[in-house]
Amino acid sequence: MSVKSTRFTVLELLNKMDKQAYSNIVLDSALEKSGFSDRDKSFVSRLFYGTVERKLTLEYIVSMYSSKPLHKLDAVVVNILKIGLYQLLYMDSVTDSAAVNESVVLAKQCGKSSAAGFVNAVLRSFIRSGKEIPFPEDRVKRLGLEYSCSHELVKKLCEDYSFEQAEDLLKASVTPHKTFLRVNNLKISSEKLIFEFNALGLSVKACSITDNCLESEKLGGVEHCGLFQQGFFHVQDLSSQLCCKTLSPQPNDTVIDLCAAPGGKAFTITELMGCSGKVIACDIHSNRVNLIKKGAERLGLSIEAIKNDAKVFNESFPQADKVLCDVPCSGFGVIRSKPELKYTELNSISRLPEVQYDILCTASKYLKPGGELVYSTCTLNRDENDNVIDRFLNEHKNFIPINIMEEYGNKSYKMTIFPRDFGCEGFFISKIRKGEF
C-alpha cells in the first residue's frame, strides 16, 4: 500500500475528528477496513495520534508562518499542514523533502489543488527558519502551546496543583508510555506468563509496584496474541490495578462495581478474591454489559454483569462488603491515551461533579455496616475528586475516611496519582467505611 494512501487516510481521520469523534474509535475502524500492512498501520497510527496529540502546537505554527489568519483557512488545508508539520518536527523516519512533497500531493488528491502552493510555501518557510517555534513568554500560555493543551485546562491544573505538576503531566502526555497487564493468577503465574511472552519474542517484565502485574515499553496489539485469547491476562493500567488493591476485596466477599464497563476492575477484583464470593458488575448500556460478559468468559471468571443505572438505588442488589464507585469523569488523567481530551471545554464538564456525587450517594446505600467503598476517577480535576468525596463525608457522618496506600508514602484517605509517581496514567483514589451502627 502506498505512503500516499496512508497519509490520505490520516487526513480523513483528522477531518472526522473535527466533528467531535473519538480518536481510538475512528482509528480502529479505519485500520480494520484498510487492508494496510502492519508497517502501514503503524505509520498511520503514529501520524494520526501524533497530529491529534500536538494539535494546538501545530495550529500555532501554522498561524505563525501563514500569511492568512488561521480562522480564515480551509479546515482541510489546516489538517494537511498539521500532517506535514508533525512529520517535520517529530518523525525522523521522514525526510523534510518527503514531508513537504507528500503534503502538496495530498492537497491535490483531496481536491484542494488551489492550496497546493500555499501548503508548499508554509512548510518550506518553517524549514528555512530552522523549525523555530516562537512561543509566548507567559509560562502558562507557553505550557499550553508547547504541549498542546487548552489554556483553560492548563490554568485549572496549575490552580488545583502547581505549575510543576501540570508541566510533568503534560510532558508525560506526549511521551511514550508503558503498557501494563494484569496476570490472571487463576490460570497462570506471572513467571510463567513472562516466559511465554519471551518465547514469542515479546519483552515484558514483572512490575515492582504490585503483584501479578507485568509491564512493557513496547507491546502494541497485544489483544491479538494467543496468550490473550487463552485468558492469561487482561490489559489494565497500573493505576486501575492499584485502585482494586485499595478496595482490598477478600475471599467470599460480596462486591458491587457500579460503573464497571469494559470490566477491567471487576476482573481484577474477582481474581483477587480467588473467584470466590460474588461480584456484581454494572453498566447502564447493554452493549457495554456484553463487553464485561465476554471478557469474564475469556478469563474464566464468574461475574454477574447487569444493566443498571448507577444513580438509581437497585433494591434487588444484596448488601455488599465492598463497593467500587469508579465514576464517569472528564478523563484528564488519561490524556496521553486519549489526546483529544486536552481540548475539552471546561464548561462542558461542569455538571459532572453533581452526577458523581449522586452516584456516590447511591453506591453508599449498598454497603453493609462496616463495609468499605472506594471512590475513584481517571481525572485530575479536584472538583470531581477531592471536592466530591469531602462533600460526601461532610454530609454523611456515619461514614469515616480510611487511610490508603501507606506503603507508597501516602498519609491520607485519598491519593492523586500523577504519571511521574509510578509511570502510569493519572488517577484519583479514596476510601471510606460505613459505621457499624
Protein backbone atom coordinates (compact mmCIF):
# COMPACT_ATOMS: atom_id res chain seq x y z
CA MET A 1 0.00 0.00 0.00
CA SER A 2 1.47 3.38 -0.95
CA VAL A 3 2.55 6.04 1.52
CA LYS A 4 0.16 8.42 -0.26
CA SER A 5 -2.75 6.27 0.80
CA THR A 6 -1.61 6.19 4.42
CA ARG A 7 -1.41 9.99 4.57
CA PHE A 8 -4.76 10.35 2.83
CA THR A 9 -6.23 8.02 5.47
CA VAL A 10 -4.77 10.16 8.25
CA LEU A 11 -6.30 13.26 6.65
CA GLU A 12 -9.71 11.60 6.50
CA LEU A 13 -9.43 10.65 10.16
CA LEU A 14 -8.46 14.19 11.19
CA ASN A 15 -11.42 15.57 9.26
CA LYS A 16 -13.66 13.21 11.25
CA MET A 17 -12.05 14.34 14.50
CA ASP A 18 -13.07 17.91 13.67
CA LYS A 19 -16.66 16.65 14.07
CA GLN A 20 -16.06 15.53 17.68
CA ALA A 21 -15.27 11.85 17.04
CA TYR A 22 -13.15 9.72 19.41
CA SER A 23 -9.60 9.08 18.21
CA ASN A 24 -9.40 5.41 19.17
CA ILE A 25 -12.77 4.58 17.61
CA VAL A 26 -12.16 6.26 14.25
CA LEU A 27 -8.63 4.84 14.00
CA ASP A 28 -9.58 1.26 14.89
CA SER A 29 -12.45 1.34 12.40
CA ALA A 30 -10.28 2.73 9.60
CA LEU A 31 -7.43 0.28 10.12
CA GLU A 32 -9.77 -2.68 10.29
CA LYS A 33 -11.11 -1.88 6.82
CA SER A 34 -7.88 -0.61 5.28
CA GLY A 35 -6.06 -3.73 4.14
CA PHE A 36 -2.81 -1.99 5.15
CA SER A 37 0.31 -3.93 6.05
CA ASP A 38 1.41 -3.86 9.69
CA ARG A 39 4.05 -1.30 8.76
CA ASP A 40 1.49 0.98 7.12
CA LYS A 41 -0.87 0.59 10.07
CA SER A 42 1.94 1.63 12.39
CA PHE A 43 2.67 4.68 10.22
CA VAL A 44 -1.00 5.72 10.16
CA SER A 45 -1.35 5.26 13.92
CA ARG A 46 1.78 7.25 14.71
CA LEU A 47 0.96 10.12 12.34
CA PHE A 48 -2.72 10.29 13.30
CA TYR A 49 -2.32 10.08 17.07
CA GLY A 50 0.70 12.37 16.94
CA THR A 51 -1.14 15.04 14.98
CA VAL A 52 -4.10 14.88 17.38
CA GLU A 53 -1.73 14.90 20.35
CA ARG A 54 0.08 18.02 19.07
CA LYS A 55 -2.99 19.75 17.58
CA LEU A 56 -2.64 23.15 19.26
CA THR A 57 1.14 23.27 18.79
CA LEU A 58 0.78 22.55 15.09
CA GLU A 59 -2.05 25.05 14.62
CA TYR A 60 0.04 27.67 16.41
CA ILE A 61 2.91 27.06 13.98
CA VAL A 62 0.52 27.41 11.04
CA SER A 63 -0.67 30.75 12.44
CA MET A 64 2.95 31.93 12.82
CA TYR A 65 4.02 31.01 9.28
CA SER A 66 0.86 31.61 7.31
CA SER A 67 0.12 34.88 5.55
CA LYS A 68 -3.56 34.34 6.40
CA PRO A 69 -5.13 34.14 9.88
CA LEU A 70 -5.84 30.59 11.00
CA HIS A 71 -9.60 31.12 11.23
CA LYS A 72 -9.73 32.13 7.55
CA LEU A 73 -8.01 28.99 6.31
CA ASP A 74 -9.91 25.98 4.99
CA ALA A 75 -10.09 23.34 7.75
CA VAL A 76 -8.91 20.56 5.42
CA VAL A 77 -5.91 22.63 4.35
CA VAL A 78 -5.05 23.23 8.02
CA ASN A 79 -5.14 19.48 8.62
CA ILE A 80 -2.82 18.91 5.65
CA LEU A 81 -0.40 21.45 7.09
CA LYS A 82 -0.56 19.82 10.52
CA ILE A 83 0.23 16.43 8.98
CA GLY A 84 3.24 17.94 7.20
CA LEU A 85 4.46 19.84 10.25
CA TYR A 86 4.17 16.81 12.50
CA GLN A 87 6.43 14.84 10.17
CA LEU A 88 8.92 17.71 10.00
CA LEU A 89 9.11 18.03 13.78
CA TYR A 90 8.57 14.59 15.25
CA MET A 91 9.18 11.84 12.66
CA ASP A 92 12.88 11.27 11.98
CA SER A 93 12.00 8.47 9.56
CA VAL A 94 10.51 11.01 7.12
CA THR A 95 12.82 13.41 5.29
CA ASP A 96 11.93 17.09 5.11
CA SER A 97 11.52 16.94 1.35
CA ALA A 98 9.19 13.95 1.58
CA ALA A 99 7.08 15.66 4.26
CA VAL A 100 6.67 18.75 2.05
CA ASN A 101 6.19 16.99 -1.27
CA GLU A 102 3.68 14.48 0.03
CA SER A 103 1.70 17.29 1.70
CA VAL A 104 1.48 19.08 -1.65
CA VAL A 105 0.34 15.85 -3.31
CA LEU A 106 -2.20 15.37 -0.53
CA ALA A 107 -3.70 18.80 -1.22
CA LYS A 108 -4.17 17.85 -4.86
CA GLN A 109 -5.55 14.41 -4.02
CA CYS A 110 -8.33 15.79 -1.81
CA GLY A 111 -9.49 18.45 -4.26
CA LYS A 112 -7.54 21.38 -2.79
CA SER A 113 -5.17 21.93 -5.75
CA SER A 114 -5.53 25.71 -5.44
CA ALA A 115 -3.98 25.48 -1.96
CA ALA A 116 -1.02 23.30 -3.02
CA GLY A 117 1.31 26.28 -3.49
CA PHE A 118 0.26 27.71 -0.14
CA VAL A 119 0.96 24.40 1.62
CA ASN A 120 4.37 24.22 -0.02
CA ALA A 121 5.19 27.83 0.97
CA VAL A 122 4.22 27.47 4.63
CA LEU A 123 6.14 24.22 5.15
CA ARG A 124 9.28 25.45 3.35
CA SER A 125 9.19 28.73 5.28
CA PHE A 126 9.13 26.74 8.51
CA ILE A 127 12.13 24.66 7.36
CA ARG A 128 14.09 27.79 6.35
CA SER A 129 13.54 29.25 9.82
CA GLY A 130 15.33 26.28 11.33
CA LYS A 131 11.96 24.93 12.51
CA GLU A 132 11.82 27.67 15.10
CA ILE A 133 8.66 27.99 17.17
CA PRO A 134 8.34 31.47 18.74
CA PHE A 135 6.41 30.59 21.91
CA PRO A 136 4.99 33.41 24.10
CA GLU A 137 6.85 34.42 27.26
CA ASP A 138 3.88 33.85 29.59
CA ARG A 139 4.72 30.45 31.09
CA VAL A 140 1.12 29.18 31.36
CA LYS A 141 0.39 30.09 27.72
CA ARG A 142 3.71 28.61 26.67
CA LEU A 143 2.97 25.37 28.52
CA GLY A 144 -0.34 25.00 26.70
CA LEU A 145 1.16 25.64 23.30
CA GLU A 146 4.34 23.62 23.82
CA TYR A 147 2.45 20.51 24.97
CA SER A 148 -0.80 21.21 23.09
CA CYS A 149 -3.36 21.67 25.84
CA SER A 150 -6.17 24.21 26.11
CA HIS A 151 -5.23 27.32 28.05
CA GLU A 152 -8.13 26.96 30.47
CA LEU A 153 -7.20 23.36 31.31
CA VAL A 154 -3.55 24.31 31.88
CA LYS A 155 -4.69 27.14 34.14
CA LYS A 156 -7.02 24.78 36.03
CA LEU A 157 -4.27 22.19 36.57
CA CYS A 158 -1.90 24.90 37.83
CA GLU A 159 -4.56 26.18 40.23
CA ASP A 160 -5.50 22.72 41.51
CA TYR A 161 -1.91 21.53 41.94
CA SER A 162 1.12 23.53 40.79
CA PHE A 163 2.79 24.70 37.61
CA GLU A 164 5.45 22.00 38.03
CA GLN A 165 2.90 19.19 38.41
CA ALA A 166 0.92 20.48 35.43
CA GLU A 167 4.11 20.55 33.38
CA ASP A 168 5.02 17.00 34.42
CA LEU A 169 1.56 15.75 33.42
CA LEU A 170 1.65 17.46 30.03
CA LYS A 171 5.18 16.28 29.31
CA ALA A 172 4.06 12.74 30.06
CA SER A 173 1.10 13.16 27.73
CA VAL A 174 3.37 13.45 24.68
CA THR A 175 5.96 10.80 25.58
CA PRO A 176 5.84 7.01 25.02
CA HIS A 177 4.37 5.12 27.95
CA LYS A 178 4.35 1.60 29.29
CA THR A 179 1.67 -0.99 28.72
CA PHE A 180 0.56 -2.75 31.90
CA LEU A 181 -1.03 -6.20 32.03
CA ARG A 182 -2.92 -7.87 34.85
CA VAL A 183 -1.99 -11.54 35.17
CA ASN A 184 -4.91 -13.93 35.62
CA ASN A 185 -3.33 -15.80 38.52
CA LEU A 186 -6.20 -18.31 38.45
CA LYS A 187 -4.79 -19.66 35.17
CA ILE A 188 -1.08 -18.83 35.13
CA SER A 189 1.70 -17.38 37.27
CA SER A 190 3.50 -14.14 36.45
CA GLU A 191 6.75 -16.03 35.98
CA LYS A 192 5.19 -18.48 33.54
CA LEU A 193 3.46 -15.72 31.56
CA ILE A 194 6.73 -13.77 31.27
CA PHE A 195 8.37 -16.94 29.93
CA GLU A 196 5.56 -17.40 27.38
CA PHE A 197 5.85 -13.79 26.18
CA ASN A 198 9.61 -14.03 25.86
CA ALA A 199 9.20 -17.22 23.82
CA LEU A 200 7.15 -15.15 21.36
CA GLY A 201 9.91 -12.54 21.19
CA LEU A 202 7.91 -10.05 23.26
CA SER A 203 9.72 -8.30 26.09
CA VAL A 204 7.76 -7.99 29.34
CA LYS A 205 8.83 -7.92 32.97
CA ALA A 206 7.26 -8.03 36.41
CA CYS A 207 6.10 -4.67 37.75
CA SER A 208 7.84 -3.74 41.01
CA ILE A 209 4.86 -1.75 42.32
CA THR A 210 2.28 -4.51 42.80
CA ASP A 211 1.86 -8.28 42.44
CA ASN A 212 0.54 -10.06 39.34
CA CYS A 213 1.26 -7.05 37.14
CA LEU A 214 3.52 -7.05 34.10
CA GLU A 215 4.85 -4.06 32.17
CA SER A 216 6.37 -3.47 28.77
CA GLU A 217 7.80 -0.48 26.93
CA LYS A 218 6.66 -1.76 23.54
CA LEU A 219 3.70 -4.10 23.37
CA GLY A 220 1.19 -2.97 20.74
CA GLY A 221 -1.75 -5.04 19.57
CA VAL A 222 -1.39 -7.49 22.43
CA GLU A 223 -5.13 -8.29 22.29
CA HIS A 224 -4.44 -10.30 19.13
CA CYS A 225 -1.92 -12.51 20.93
CA GLY A 226 -2.82 -16.16 21.60
CA LEU A 227 -1.95 -15.70 25.26
CA PHE A 228 -4.69 -13.07 25.48
CA GLN A 229 -7.22 -15.33 23.79
CA GLN A 230 -6.41 -18.07 26.31
CA GLY A 231 -7.41 -15.71 29.12
CA PHE A 232 -3.99 -15.46 30.77
CA PHE A 233 -4.23 -11.69 31.27
CA HIS A 234 -6.15 -8.52 30.55
CA VAL A 235 -4.75 -5.11 29.68
CA GLN A 236 -5.13 -2.77 32.65
CA ASP A 237 -3.17 0.31 33.59
CA LEU A 238 -1.26 0.14 36.86
CA SER A 239 -3.35 2.95 38.36
CA SER A 240 -6.52 0.89 37.92
CA GLN A 241 -4.82 -2.14 39.46
CA LEU A 242 -3.83 -0.03 42.47
CA CYS A 243 -7.45 1.09 42.75
CA CYS A 244 -8.56 -2.56 43.03
CA LYS A 245 -5.79 -3.27 45.53
CA THR A 246 -7.03 -0.35 47.64
CA LEU A 247 -10.55 -1.80 47.66
CA SER A 248 -8.96 -4.95 49.18
CA PRO A 249 -11.70 -7.47 48.36
CA GLN A 250 -11.46 -10.64 50.44
CA PRO A 251 -12.42 -14.25 49.59
CA ASN A 252 -16.19 -14.78 49.82
CA ASP A 253 -16.95 -11.04 49.87
CA THR A 254 -19.93 -9.59 48.07
CA VAL A 255 -18.63 -6.79 45.85
CA ILE A 256 -20.55 -4.35 43.64
CA ASP A 257 -18.73 -2.48 40.85
CA LEU A 258 -21.27 0.17 39.86
CA CYS A 259 -19.63 1.64 36.75
CA ALA A 260 -17.76 -1.42 35.57
CA ALA A 261 -17.52 -1.46 31.75
CA PRO A 262 -15.46 -2.60 29.99
CA GLY A 263 -14.77 -4.71 33.07
CA GLY A 264 -11.07 -4.49 33.89
CA LYS A 265 -11.52 -3.64 37.55
CA ALA A 266 -14.23 -6.25 38.04
CA PHE A 267 -11.88 -8.85 36.53
CA THR A 268 -9.04 -7.89 38.86
CA ILE A 269 -11.36 -7.84 41.88
CA THR A 270 -12.59 -11.34 41.06
CA GLU A 271 -9.03 -12.61 40.67
CA LEU A 272 -8.03 -11.02 44.00
CA MET A 273 -10.92 -12.94 45.62
CA GLY A 274 -9.82 -16.20 44.05
CA CYS A 275 -13.10 -16.31 42.12
CA SER A 276 -14.98 -16.87 45.39
CA GLY A 277 -17.83 -14.80 46.76
CA LYS A 278 -19.96 -12.66 44.49
CA VAL A 279 -19.02 -9.83 42.11
CA ILE A 280 -21.77 -7.76 40.50
CA ALA A 281 -20.52 -5.59 37.63
CA CYS A 282 -22.86 -2.92 36.26
CA ASP A 283 -23.25 -0.55 33.35
CA ILE A 284 -26.17 1.48 32.05
CA HIS A 285 -25.67 0.35 28.43
CA SER A 286 -26.48 -3.19 27.26
CA ASN A 287 -23.64 -3.34 24.73
CA ARG A 288 -21.13 -2.45 27.43
CA VAL A 289 -22.59 -5.07 29.77
CA ASN A 290 -21.91 -7.57 26.98
CA LEU A 291 -18.28 -6.44 26.91
CA ILE A 292 -17.99 -7.35 30.58
CA LYS A 293 -19.59 -10.75 29.97
CA LYS A 294 -17.28 -11.55 27.04
CA GLY A 295 -14.19 -10.50 28.99
CA ALA A 296 -15.18 -12.57 32.02
CA GLU A 297 -15.85 -15.59 29.80
CA ARG A 298 -12.46 -15.28 28.12
CA LEU A 299 -10.74 -15.09 31.52
CA GLY A 300 -12.84 -17.88 33.01
CA LEU A 301 -14.21 -15.65 35.77
CA SER A 302 -17.59 -15.84 37.49
CA ILE A 303 -19.05 -12.33 37.36
CA GLU A 304 -22.68 -11.24 37.36
CA ALA A 305 -22.86 -8.49 34.72
CA ILE A 306 -26.04 -6.43 34.95
CA LYS A 307 -27.57 -3.46 33.15
CA ASN A 308 -28.13 -0.87 35.86
CA ASP A 309 -28.36 2.90 36.32
CA ALA A 310 -25.74 3.80 38.93
CA LYS A 311 -27.69 6.88 40.03
CA VAL A 312 -30.80 4.89 40.96
CA PHE A 313 -30.87 2.57 44.00
CA ASN A 314 -31.50 -1.04 42.95
CA GLU A 315 -33.47 -2.81 45.67
CA SER A 316 -32.67 -6.23 44.20
CA PHE A 317 -28.94 -5.90 44.94
CA PRO A 318 -27.60 -7.61 48.07
CA GLN A 319 -25.83 -5.67 50.77
CA ALA A 320 -22.15 -5.55 49.93
CA ASP A 321 -18.92 -5.91 51.84
CA LYS A 322 -17.15 -3.72 49.28
CA VAL A 323 -18.38 -1.25 46.68
CA LEU A 324 -16.29 0.23 43.87
CA CYS A 325 -17.57 3.59 42.70
CA ASP A 326 -15.34 4.39 39.71
CA VAL A 327 -17.48 7.17 38.28
CA PRO A 328 -17.70 8.66 34.77
CA CYS A 329 -15.34 11.64 34.64
CA SER A 330 -13.55 14.16 32.43
CA GLY A 331 -10.60 11.78 31.96
CA PHE A 332 -7.81 14.34 32.36
CA GLY A 333 -5.58 11.68 33.88
CA VAL A 334 -5.54 9.62 30.67
CA ILE A 335 -4.78 12.37 28.14
CA ARG A 336 -1.77 10.52 26.76
CA SER A 337 -4.09 7.68 25.70
CA LYS A 338 -6.95 9.98 24.64
CA PRO A 339 -5.21 13.18 23.49
CA GLU A 340 -8.42 14.88 22.33
CA LEU A 341 -9.41 15.29 25.99
CA LYS A 342 -6.76 18.03 26.28
CA TYR A 343 -9.05 20.26 24.25
CA THR A 344 -12.18 19.78 26.38
CA GLU A 345 -14.04 22.98 27.18
CA LEU A 346 -14.38 23.08 30.95
CA ASN A 347 -17.94 24.38 30.87
CA SER A 348 -18.93 21.14 29.10
CA ILE A 349 -17.99 19.12 32.19
CA SER A 350 -19.34 21.48 34.84
CA ARG A 351 -22.25 19.16 35.72
CA LEU A 352 -20.08 16.08 36.25
CA PRO A 353 -19.40 16.60 39.98
CA GLU A 354 -23.13 16.60 40.74
CA VAL A 355 -23.62 13.39 38.75
CA GLN A 356 -20.64 11.83 40.51
CA TYR A 357 -21.97 12.85 43.91
CA ASP A 358 -25.38 11.32 43.13
CA ILE A 359 -23.72 8.03 42.12
CA LEU A 360 -21.58 8.05 45.26
CA CYS A 361 -24.63 8.60 47.48
CA THR A 362 -26.45 5.73 45.80
CA ALA A 363 -23.37 3.49 45.98
CA SER A 364 -23.03 4.06 49.72
CA LYS A 365 -26.52 2.62 50.33
CA TYR A 366 -25.41 -0.84 49.18
CA LEU A 367 -22.82 -1.23 51.95
CA LYS A 368 -23.25 -3.45 54.98
CA PRO A 369 -22.41 -1.84 58.34
CA GLY A 370 -18.61 -1.87 58.45
CA GLY A 371 -18.44 -2.23 54.67
CA GLU A 372 -15.94 -0.23 52.63
CA LEU A 373 -16.24 1.86 49.48
CA VAL A 374 -13.61 3.14 47.07
CA TYR A 375 -14.44 6.29 45.12
CA SER A 376 -12.18 6.76 42.11
CA THR A 377 -11.77 8.60 38.81
CA CYS A 378 -9.25 8.75 35.97
CA THR A 379 -9.19 12.54 36.09
CA LEU A 380 -7.00 15.10 37.87
CA ASN A 381 -9.73 17.67 38.42
CA ARG A 382 -10.19 18.43 42.12
CA ASP A 383 -13.83 19.41 41.51
CA GLU A 384 -14.51 15.78 40.54
CA ASN A 385 -12.18 14.23 43.10
CA ASP A 386 -11.40 15.79 46.49
CA ASN A 387 -14.45 18.04 46.47
CA VAL A 388 -16.89 15.19 45.80
CA ILE A 389 -15.58 12.80 48.46
CA ASP A 390 -15.13 15.60 51.02
CA ARG A 391 -18.67 16.83 50.43
CA PHE A 392 -19.93 13.28 50.94
CA LEU A 393 -18.07 12.85 54.23
CA ASN A 394 -19.31 16.22 55.43
CA GLU A 395 -22.92 15.29 54.70
CA HIS A 396 -22.79 11.62 55.80
CA LYS A 397 -21.48 11.47 59.36
CA ASN A 398 -21.91 7.68 59.59
CA PHE A 399 -19.00 7.22 57.16
CA ILE A 400 -15.35 7.54 58.16
CA PRO A 401 -12.25 8.03 55.97
CA ILE A 402 -9.70 5.21 55.76
CA ASN A 403 -6.05 5.94 55.06
CA ILE A 404 -4.84 4.27 51.85
CA MET A 405 -1.66 3.34 50.00
CA GLU A 406 0.52 3.97 53.04
CA GLU A 407 3.14 1.61 51.62
CA TYR A 408 3.68 4.23 48.89
CA GLY A 409 4.14 7.09 51.35
CA ASN A 410 0.55 8.33 51.28
CA LYS A 411 -0.89 9.54 54.62
CA SER A 412 -4.49 10.26 53.76
CA TYR A 413 -7.81 8.65 52.83
CA LYS A 414 -7.30 9.95 49.29
CA MET A 415 -4.44 9.95 46.80
CA THR A 416 -3.94 11.67 43.48
CA ILE A 417 -1.62 9.69 41.22
CA PHE A 418 0.39 11.56 38.59
CA PRO A 419 2.23 9.77 35.76
CA ARG A 420 5.56 10.68 37.36
CA ASP A 421 4.67 8.71 40.51
CA PHE A 422 4.56 5.19 39.04
CA GLY A 423 4.87 5.69 35.28
CA CYS A 424 1.15 5.02 34.83
CA GLU A 425 -1.92 7.08 33.97
CA GLY A 426 -3.20 9.85 36.22
CA PHE A 427 -5.80 8.68 38.73
CA PHE A 428 -7.63 9.56 41.95
CA ILE A 429 -8.47 7.03 44.69
CA SER A 430 -10.19 7.48 48.05
CA LYS A 431 -11.66 5.09 50.60
CA ILE A 432 -14.37 5.31 53.24
CA ARG A 433 -16.05 2.90 55.68
CA LYS A 434 -19.65 2.72 56.79
CA GLY A 435 -20.20 2.86 60.54
CA GLU A 436 -21.16 -0.32 62.39
CA PHE A 437 -24.46 1.16 63.53
